PDB file of N, CA and C in Angstrom:
ATOM      1  N   MET A   1      99.243 289.836 201.026  1.00  0.00           N
ATOM      2  CA  MET A   1      98.545 290.265 202.214  1.00  0.00           C
ATOM      3  C   MET A   1      97.834 289.053 202.837  1.00  0.00           C
ATOM      4  N   THR A   2      97.926 288.932 204.153  1.00  0.00           N
ATOM      5  CA  THR A   2      97.298 287.806 204.845  1.00  0.00           C
ATOM      6  C   THR A   2      96.108 288.286 205.667  1.00  0.00           C
ATOM      7  N   ASP A   3      95.359 287.326 206.179  1.00  0.00           N
ATOM      8  CA  ASP A   3      94.199 287.645 207.003  1.00  0.00           C
ATOM      9  C   ASP A   3      94.578 288.347 208.304  1.00  0.00           C
ATOM     10  N   ARG A   4      95.827 288.224 208.710  1.00  0.00           N
ATOM     11  CA  ARG A   4      96.263 288.817 209.977  1.00  0.00           C
ATOM     12  C   ARG A   4      97.081 290.099 209.799  1.00  0.00           C
ATOM     13  N   ASP A   5      97.111 290.646 208.598  1.00  0.00           N
ATOM     14  CA  ASP A   5      97.862 291.891 208.377  1.00  0.00           C
ATOM     15  C   ASP A   5      97.343 293.044 209.230  1.00  0.00           C
ATOM     16  N   TRP A   6      96.099 292.972 209.646  1.00  0.00           N
ATOM     17  CA  TRP A   6      95.535 294.023 210.484  1.00  0.00           C
ATOM     18  C   TRP A   6      96.319 294.188 211.778  1.00  0.00           C
ATOM     19  N   THR A   7      96.980 293.109 212.225  1.00  0.00           N
ATOM     20  CA  THR A   7      97.720 293.183 213.496  1.00  0.00           C
ATOM     21  C   THR A   7      98.866 294.191 213.437  1.00  0.00           C
ATOM     22  N   LEU A   8      99.338 294.488 212.237  1.00  0.00           N
ATOM     23  CA  LEU A   8     100.411 295.483 212.093  1.00  0.00           C
ATOM     24  C   LEU A   8      99.962 296.865 212.535  1.00  0.00           C
ATOM     25  N   TRP A   9      98.649 297.112 212.485  1.00  0.00           N
ATOM     26  CA  TRP A   9      98.101 298.426 212.817  1.00  0.00           C
ATOM     27  C   TRP A   9      97.456 298.474 214.202  1.00  0.00           C
ATOM     28  N   ALA A  10      97.470 297.337 214.887  1.00  0.00           N
ATOM     29  CA  ALA A  10      96.814 297.254 216.191  1.00  0.00           C
ATOM     30  C   ALA A  10      97.493 298.151 217.222  1.00  0.00           C
ATOM     31  N   ARG A  11      96.697 298.882 217.960  1.00  0.00           N
ATOM     32  CA  ARG A  11      97.197 299.792 218.987  1.00  0.00           C
ATOM     33  C   ARG A  11      97.946 299.012 220.080  1.00  0.00           C
ATOM     34  N   CYS A  12      97.568 297.761 220.313  1.00  0.00           N
ATOM     35  CA  CYS A  12      98.179 296.949 221.365  1.00  0.00           C
ATOM     36  C   CYS A  12      99.502 296.310 220.943  1.00  0.00           C
ATOM     37  N   ARG A  13      99.856 296.436 219.692  1.00  0.00           N
ATOM     38  CA  ARG A  13     101.073 295.802 219.174  1.00  0.00           C
ATOM     39  C   ARG A  13     102.275 296.183 220.023  1.00  0.00           C
ATOM     40  N   GLY A  14     102.962 295.182 220.530  1.00  0.00           N
ATOM     41  CA  GLY A  14     104.164 295.401 221.327  1.00  0.00           C
ATOM     42  C   GLY A  14     103.899 295.681 222.802  1.00  0.00           C
ATOM     43  N   MET A  15     102.632 295.761 223.192  1.00  0.00           N
ATOM     44  CA  MET A  15     102.308 296.019 224.596  1.00  0.00           C
ATOM     45  C   MET A  15     102.363 294.725 225.402  1.00  0.00           C
ATOM     46  N   ASP A  16     102.425 294.875 226.701  1.00  0.00           N
ATOM     47  CA  ASP A  16     102.404 293.749 227.619  1.00  0.00           C
ATOM     48  C   ASP A  16     101.053 293.039 227.502  1.00  0.00           C
ATOM     49  N   THR A  17     101.057 291.789 227.139  1.00  0.00           N
ATOM     50  CA  THR A  17      99.813 291.051 226.912  1.00  0.00           C
ATOM     51  C   THR A  17      99.017 290.805 228.188  1.00  0.00           C
ATOM     52  N   THR A  18      99.635 290.926 229.346  1.00  0.00           N
ATOM     53  CA  THR A  18      98.884 290.686 230.581  1.00  0.00           C
ATOM     54  C   THR A  18      97.743 291.685 230.746  1.00  0.00           C
ATOM     55  N   THR A  19      97.852 292.844 230.135  1.00  0.00           N
ATOM     56  CA  THR A  19      96.763 293.824 230.178  1.00  0.00           C
ATOM     57  C   THR A  19      95.527 293.278 229.477  1.00  0.00           C
ATOM     58  N   PHE A  20      95.725 292.524 228.428  1.00  0.00           N
ATOM     59  CA  PHE A  20      94.625 292.017 227.613  1.00  0.00           C
ATOM     60  C   PHE A  20      94.145 290.627 228.037  1.00  0.00           C
ATOM     61  N   PHE A  21      94.855 290.038 228.970  1.00  0.00           N
ATOM     62  CA  PHE A  21      94.485 288.728 229.498  1.00  0.00           C
ATOM     63  C   PHE A  21      94.507 288.776 231.020  1.00  0.00           C
ATOM     64  N   PRO A  22      93.573 289.545 231.614  1.00  0.00           N
ATOM     65  CA  PRO A  22      93.539 289.673 233.078  1.00  0.00           C
ATOM     66  C   PRO A  22      93.320 288.320 233.756  1.00  0.00           C
ATOM     67  N   GLN A  23      94.000 288.125 234.866  1.00  0.00           N
ATOM     68  CA  GLN A  23      93.910 286.879 235.608  1.00  0.00           C
ATOM     69  C   GLN A  23      93.096 287.080 236.880  1.00  0.00           C
ATOM     70  N   LYS A  24      92.033 286.329 237.038  1.00  0.00           N
ATOM     71  CA  LYS A  24      91.206 286.435 238.236  1.00  0.00           C
ATOM     72  C   LYS A  24      92.003 286.098 239.488  1.00  0.00           C
ATOM     73  N   GLU A  25      93.034 285.273 239.319  1.00  0.00           N
ATOM     74  CA  GLU A  25      93.876 284.887 240.451  1.00  0.00           C
ATOM     75  C   GLU A  25      94.597 286.096 241.051  1.00  0.00           C
ATOM     76  N   ASP A  26      94.762 287.156 240.260  1.00  0.00           N
ATOM     77  CA  ASP A  26      95.418 288.375 240.744  1.00  0.00           C
ATOM     78  C   ASP A  26      94.478 289.207 241.598  1.00  0.00           C
ATOM     79  N   GLY A  27      93.225 288.801 241.666  1.00  0.00           N
ATOM     80  CA  GLY A  27      92.223 289.533 242.435  1.00  0.00           C
ATOM     81  C   GLY A  27      91.267 290.272 241.509  1.00  0.00           C
ATOM     82  N   ARG A  28      90.063 290.452 241.994  1.00  0.00           N
ATOM     83  CA  ARG A  28      89.029 291.110 241.179  1.00  0.00           C
ATOM     84  C   ARG A  28      89.416 292.531 240.783  1.00  0.00           C
ATOM     85  N   LEU A  29      89.947 293.278 241.727  1.00  0.00           N
ATOM     86  CA  LEU A  29      90.288 294.673 241.449  1.00  0.00           C
ATOM     87  C   LEU A  29      91.371 294.772 240.374  1.00  0.00           C
ATOM     88  N   ALA A  30      92.394 293.957 240.493  1.00  0.00           N
ATOM     89  CA  ALA A  30      93.476 293.971 239.499  1.00  0.00           C
ATOM     90  C   ALA A  30      92.957 293.551 238.127  1.00  0.00           C
ATOM     91  N   ALA A  31      92.113 292.535 238.107  1.00  0.00           N
ATOM     92  CA  ALA A  31      91.550 292.069 236.833  1.00  0.00           C
ATOM     93  C   ALA A  31      90.658 293.142 236.221  1.00  0.00           C
ATOM     94  N   ALA A  32      89.865 293.806 237.042  1.00  0.00           N
ATOM     95  CA  ALA A  32      88.976 294.871 236.550  1.00  0.00           C
ATOM     96  C   ALA A  32      89.791 296.044 236.007  1.00  0.00           C
ATOM     97  N   ARG A  33      90.872 296.368 236.682  1.00  0.00           N
ATOM     98  CA  ARG A  33      91.745 297.464 236.203  1.00  0.00           C
ATOM     99  C   ARG A  33      92.385 297.110 234.871  1.00  0.00           C
ATOM    100  N   ALA A  34      92.866 295.882 234.753  1.00  0.00           N
ATOM    101  CA  ALA A  34      93.483 295.448 233.499  1.00  0.00           C
ATOM    102  C   ALA A  34      92.449 295.459 232.372  1.00  0.00           C
ATOM    103  N   GLU A  35      91.246 294.964 232.653  1.00  0.00           N
ATOM    104  CA  GLU A  35      90.183 294.953 231.649  1.00  0.00           C
ATOM    105  C   GLU A  35      89.851 296.369 231.199  1.00  0.00           C
ATOM    106  N   SER A  36      89.753 297.280 232.144  1.00  0.00           N
ATOM    107  CA  SER A  36      89.454 298.676 231.823  1.00  0.00           C
ATOM    108  C   SER A  36      90.568 299.298 230.978  1.00  0.00           C
ATOM    109  N   ALA A  37      91.811 299.017 231.344  1.00  0.00           N
ATOM    110  CA  ALA A  37      92.951 299.546 230.591  1.00  0.00           C
ATOM    111  C   ALA A  37      92.959 298.994 229.171  1.00  0.00           C
ATOM    112  N   ALA A  38      92.693 297.702 229.032  1.00  0.00           N
ATOM    113  CA  ALA A  38      92.673 297.081 227.704  1.00  0.00           C
ATOM    114  C   ALA A  38      91.579 297.688 226.841  1.00  0.00           C
ATOM    115  N   LYS A  39      90.394 297.834 227.412  1.00  0.00           N
ATOM    116  CA  LYS A  39      89.277 298.399 226.646  1.00  0.00           C
ATOM    117  C   LYS A  39      89.545 299.844 226.248  1.00  0.00           C
ATOM    118  N   SER A  40      90.251 300.563 227.083  1.00  0.00           N
ATOM    119  CA  SER A  40      90.618 301.948 226.763  1.00  0.00           C
ATOM    120  C   SER A  40      91.549 301.985 225.551  1.00  0.00           C
ATOM    121  N   ILE A  41      92.484 301.077 225.508  1.00  0.00           N
ATOM    122  CA  ILE A  41      93.402 300.987 224.370  1.00  0.00           C
ATOM    123  C   ILE A  41      92.619 300.610 223.111  1.00  0.00           C
ATOM    124  N   CYS A  42      91.713 299.667 223.244  1.00  0.00           N
ATOM    125  CA  CYS A  42      90.911 299.212 222.101  1.00  0.00           C
ATOM    126  C   CYS A  42      90.045 300.328 221.522  1.00  0.00           C
ATOM    127  N   ARG A  43      89.533 301.199 222.386  1.00  0.00           N
ATOM    128  CA  ARG A  43      88.650 302.279 221.907  1.00  0.00           C
ATOM    129  C   ARG A  43      89.337 303.183 220.886  1.00  0.00           C
ATOM    130  N   SER A  44      90.643 303.312 220.978  1.00  0.00           N
ATOM    131  CA  SER A  44      91.349 304.187 220.041  1.00  0.00           C
ATOM    132  C   SER A  44      92.075 303.397 218.944  1.00  0.00           C
ATOM    133  N   CYS A  45      91.778 302.117 218.843  1.00  0.00           N
ATOM    134  CA  CYS A  45      92.471 301.265 217.876  1.00  0.00           C
ATOM    135  C   CYS A  45      91.808 301.329 216.502  1.00  0.00           C
ATOM    136  N   PRO A  46      92.597 301.517 215.454  1.00  0.00           N
ATOM    137  CA  PRO A  46      92.036 301.604 214.110  1.00  0.00           C
ATOM    138  C   PRO A  46      91.566 300.258 213.546  1.00  0.00           C
ATOM    139  N   VAL A  47      91.935 299.157 214.181  1.00  0.00           N
ATOM    140  CA  VAL A  47      91.552 297.841 213.662  1.00  0.00           C
ATOM    141  C   VAL A  47      90.745 297.040 214.692  1.00  0.00           C
ATOM    142  N   VAL A  48      90.009 297.728 215.538  1.00  0.00           N
ATOM    143  CA  VAL A  48      89.231 297.059 216.586  1.00  0.00           C
ATOM    144  C   VAL A  48      88.213 296.083 216.002  1.00  0.00           C
ATOM    145  N   ALA A  49      87.580 296.430 214.894  1.00  0.00           N
ATOM    146  CA  ALA A  49      86.588 295.542 214.278  1.00  0.00           C
ATOM    147  C   ALA A  49      87.235 294.265 213.752  1.00  0.00           C
ATOM    148  N   GLU A  50      88.397 294.378 213.141  1.00  0.00           N
ATOM    149  CA  GLU A  50      89.104 293.208 212.624  1.00  0.00           C
ATOM    150  C   GLU A  50      89.534 292.290 213.763  1.00  0.00           C
ATOM    151  N   CYS A  51      89.972 292.885 214.855  1.00  0.00           N
ATOM    152  CA  CYS A  51      90.370 292.130 216.037  1.00  0.00           C
ATOM    153  C   CYS A  51      89.176 291.361 216.599  1.00  0.00           C
ATOM    154  N   ARG A  52      88.054 292.049 216.743  1.00  0.00           N
ATOM    155  CA  ARG A  52      86.841 291.420 217.259  1.00  0.00           C
ATOM    156  C   ARG A  52      86.403 290.265 216.366  1.00  0.00           C
ATOM    157  N   GLU A  53      86.412 290.488 215.055  1.00  0.00           N
ATOM    158  CA  GLU A  53      85.997 289.437 214.121  1.00  0.00           C
ATOM    159  C   GLU A  53      86.911 288.219 214.194  1.00  0.00           C
ATOM    160  N   THR A  54      88.196 288.456 214.353  1.00  0.00           N
ATOM    161  CA  THR A  54      89.145 287.357 214.484  1.00  0.00           C
ATOM    162  C   THR A  54      88.815 286.522 215.712  1.00  0.00           C
ATOM    163  N   ALA A  55      88.548 287.182 216.832  1.00  0.00           N
ATOM    164  CA  ALA A  55      88.211 286.478 218.072  1.00  0.00           C
ATOM    165  C   ALA A  55      86.888 285.729 217.933  1.00  0.00           C
ATOM    166  N   LEU A  56      85.923 286.343 217.280  1.00  0.00           N
ATOM    167  CA  LEU A  56      84.624 285.690 217.092  1.00  0.00           C
ATOM    168  C   LEU A  56      84.759 284.454 216.202  1.00  0.00           C
ATOM    169  N   GLN A  57      85.490 284.578 215.122  1.00  0.00           N
ATOM    170  CA  GLN A  57      85.662 283.452 214.198  1.00  0.00           C
ATOM    171  C   GLN A  57      86.430 282.309 214.841  1.00  0.00           C
ATOM    172  N   ALA A  58      87.379 282.651 215.706  1.00  0.00           N
ATOM    173  CA  ALA A  58      88.193 281.629 216.364  1.00  0.00           C
ATOM    174  C   ALA A  58      87.549 281.114 217.647  1.00  0.00           C
ATOM    175  N   ASP A  59      86.415 281.713 218.026  1.00  0.00           N
ATOM    176  CA  ASP A  59      85.761 281.410 219.293  1.00  0.00           C
ATOM    177  C   ASP A  59      86.758 281.503 220.443  1.00  0.00           C
ATOM    178  N   GLU A  60      87.506 282.596 220.432  1.00  0.00           N
ATOM    179  CA  GLU A  60      88.518 282.857 221.460  1.00  0.00           C
ATOM    180  C   GLU A  60      87.821 283.012 222.813  1.00  0.00           C
ATOM    181  N   THR A  61      88.211 282.197 223.772  1.00  0.00           N
ATOM    182  CA  THR A  61      87.540 282.182 225.070  1.00  0.00           C
ATOM    183  C   THR A  61      88.254 282.994 226.151  1.00  0.00           C
ATOM    184  N   HIS A  62      89.408 283.527 225.853  1.00  0.00           N
ATOM    185  CA  HIS A  62      90.172 284.274 226.853  1.00  0.00           C
ATOM    186  C   HIS A  62      90.568 285.645 226.322  1.00  0.00           C
ATOM    187  N   GLY A  63      90.651 286.570 227.229  1.00  0.00           N
ATOM    188  CA  GLY A  63      91.211 287.870 226.913  1.00  0.00           C
ATOM    189  C   GLY A  63      90.246 288.890 226.338  1.00  0.00           C
ATOM    190  N   ILE A  64      90.765 290.105 226.242  1.00  0.00           N
ATOM    191  CA  ILE A  64      90.047 291.227 225.646  1.00  0.00           C
ATOM    192  C   ILE A  64      90.463 291.279 224.181  1.00  0.00           C
ATOM    193  N   TRP A  65      89.506 291.121 223.312  1.00  0.00           N
ATOM    194  CA  TRP A  65      89.725 291.187 221.864  1.00  0.00           C
ATOM    195  C   TRP A  65      88.680 292.134 221.297  1.00  0.00           C
ATOM    196  N   GLY A  66      89.107 293.056 220.484  1.00  0.00           N
ATOM    197  CA  GLY A  66      88.146 293.976 219.881  1.00  0.00           C
ATOM    198  C   GLY A  66      87.370 294.776 220.909  1.00  0.00           C
ATOM    199  N   GLY A  67      87.990 295.028 222.037  1.00  0.00           N
ATOM    200  CA  GLY A  67      87.353 295.819 223.090  1.00  0.00           C
ATOM    201  C   GLY A  67      86.293 295.082 223.880  1.00  0.00           C
ATOM    202  N   MET A  68      86.255 293.752 223.763  1.00  0.00           N
ATOM    203  CA  MET A  68      85.228 292.965 224.448  1.00  0.00           C
ATOM    204  C   MET A  68      85.828 291.780 225.194  1.00  0.00           C
ATOM    205  N   THR A  69      85.193 291.439 226.306  1.00  0.00           N
ATOM    206  CA  THR A  69      85.527 290.224 227.025  1.00  0.00           C
ATOM    207  C   THR A  69      84.883 289.041 226.294  1.00  0.00           C
ATOM    208  N   TYR A  70      85.181 287.842 226.727  1.00  0.00           N
ATOM    209  CA  TYR A  70      84.575 286.655 226.124  1.00  0.00           C
ATOM    210  C   TYR A  70      83.055 286.700 226.268  1.00  0.00           C
ATOM    211  N   ALA A  71      82.574 287.034 227.446  1.00  0.00           N
ATOM    212  CA  ALA A  71      81.117 287.098 227.668  1.00  0.00           C
ATOM    213  C   ALA A  71      80.475 288.152 226.774  1.00  0.00           C
ATOM    214  N   GLU A  72      81.129 289.282 226.622  1.00  0.00           N
ATOM    215  CA  GLU A  72      80.600 290.350 225.756  1.00  0.00           C
ATOM    216  C   GLU A  72      80.607 289.921 224.292  1.00  0.00           C
ATOM    217  N   ARG A  73      81.650 289.209 223.885  1.00  0.00           N
ATOM    218  CA  ARG A  73      81.712 288.718 222.503  1.00  0.00           C
ATOM    219  C   ARG A  73      80.614 287.697 222.242  1.00  0.00           C
ATOM    220  N   ARG A  74      80.350 286.835 223.209  1.00  0.00           N
ATOM    221  CA  ARG A  74      79.271 285.842 223.058  1.00  0.00           C
ATOM    222  C   ARG A  74      77.924 286.539 222.913  1.00  0.00           C
ATOM    223  N   ALA A  75      77.677 287.536 223.760  1.00  0.00           N
ATOM    224  CA  ALA A  75      76.412 288.277 223.688  1.00  0.00           C
ATOM    225  C   ALA A  75      76.305 289.016 222.353  1.00  0.00           C
ATOM    226  N   TYR A  76      77.386 289.600 221.915  1.00  0.00           N
ATOM    227  CA  TYR A  76      77.429 290.312 220.637  1.00  0.00           C
ATOM    228  C   TYR A  76      77.116 289.347 219.490  1.00  0.00           C
ATOM    229  N   ALA A  77      77.740 288.169 219.510  1.00  0.00           N
ATOM    230  CA  ALA A  77      77.519 287.177 218.453  1.00  0.00           C
ATOM    231  C   ALA A  77      76.061 286.713 218.435  1.00  0.00           C
ATOM    232  N   ARG A  78      75.478 286.491 219.620  1.00  0.00           N
ATOM    233  CA  ARG A  78      74.068 286.086 219.681  1.00  0.00           C
ATOM    234  C   ARG A  78      73.164 287.182 219.134  1.00  0.00           C
ATOM    235  N   ALA A  79      73.431 288.413 219.541  1.00  0.00           N
ATOM    236  CA  ALA A  79      72.611 289.554 219.066  1.00  0.00           C
ATOM    237  C   ALA A  79      72.752 289.717 217.555  1.00  0.00           C
ATOM    238  N   ARG A  80      73.946 289.543 217.059  1.00  0.00           N
ATOM    239  CA  ARG A  80      74.175 289.654 215.621  1.00  0.00           C
ATOM    240  C   ARG A  80      73.430 288.555 214.868  1.00  0.00           C
ATOM    241  N   LYS A  81      73.440 287.358 215.417  1.00  0.00           N
ATOM    242  CA  LYS A  81      72.741 286.235 214.807  1.00  0.00           C
ATOM    243  C   LYS A  81      71.237 286.507 214.737  1.00  0.00           C
ATOM    244  N   LEU A  82      70.737 287.193 215.736  1.00  0.00           N
ATOM    245  CA  LEU A  82      69.313 287.525 215.783  1.00  0.00           C
ATOM    246  C   LEU A  82      68.979 288.811 215.033  1.00  0.00           C
ATOM    247  N   GLY A  83      70.000 289.420 214.422  1.00  0.00           N
ATOM    248  CA  GLY A  83      69.777 290.649 213.654  1.00  0.00           C
ATOM    249  C   GLY A  83      69.602 291.887 214.502  1.00  0.00           C
ATOM    250  N   ARG A  84      70.092 291.844 215.729  1.00  0.00           N
ATOM    251  CA  ARG A  84      69.940 292.970 216.645  1.00  0.00           C
ATOM    252  C   ARG A  84      71.143 293.889 216.731  1.00  0.00           C
ATOM    253  N   VAL A  85      72.160 293.619 215.924  1.00  0.00           N
ATOM    254  CA  VAL A  85      73.364 294.443 215.922  1.00  0.00           C
ATOM    255  C   VAL A  85      73.446 295.178 214.605  1.00  0.00           C
ATOM    256  N   LEU A  86      73.481 296.494 214.672  1.00  0.00           N
ATOM    257  CA  LEU A  86      73.623 297.303 213.454  1.00  0.00           C
ATOM    258  C   LEU A  86      75.087 297.572 213.169  1.00  0.00           C
ATOM    259  N   SER A  87      75.840 297.899 214.214  1.00  0.00           N
ATOM    260  CA  SER A  87      77.275 298.115 214.083  1.00  0.00           C
ATOM    261  C   SER A  87      77.919 297.949 215.444  1.00  0.00           C
ATOM    262  N   ALA A  88      79.227 297.750 215.437  1.00  0.00           N
ATOM    263  CA  ALA A  88      79.944 297.499 216.689  1.00  0.00           C
ATOM    264  C   ALA A  88      80.263 298.761 217.436  1.00  0.00           C
TER     265      ALA A  88
END
């Protein structure tokens, strides 16, 4: 078993990655729709926590990982560091 075995159970597995990597160049509305769609998929994912942790550990700067944008992951990491996060 590897550290990335969780990806086998990811709800996004096999989906179009553009949903999880919205491009601002496509326009704000399109990017917001893609972000919303990605987060909706993440909400029902059985491995959302593992996905989020992978992105946090890798300091992933792009895309929706674990149901969070990069800015949301940064805020989450800061809050966790300060002991303000009980659970995701």
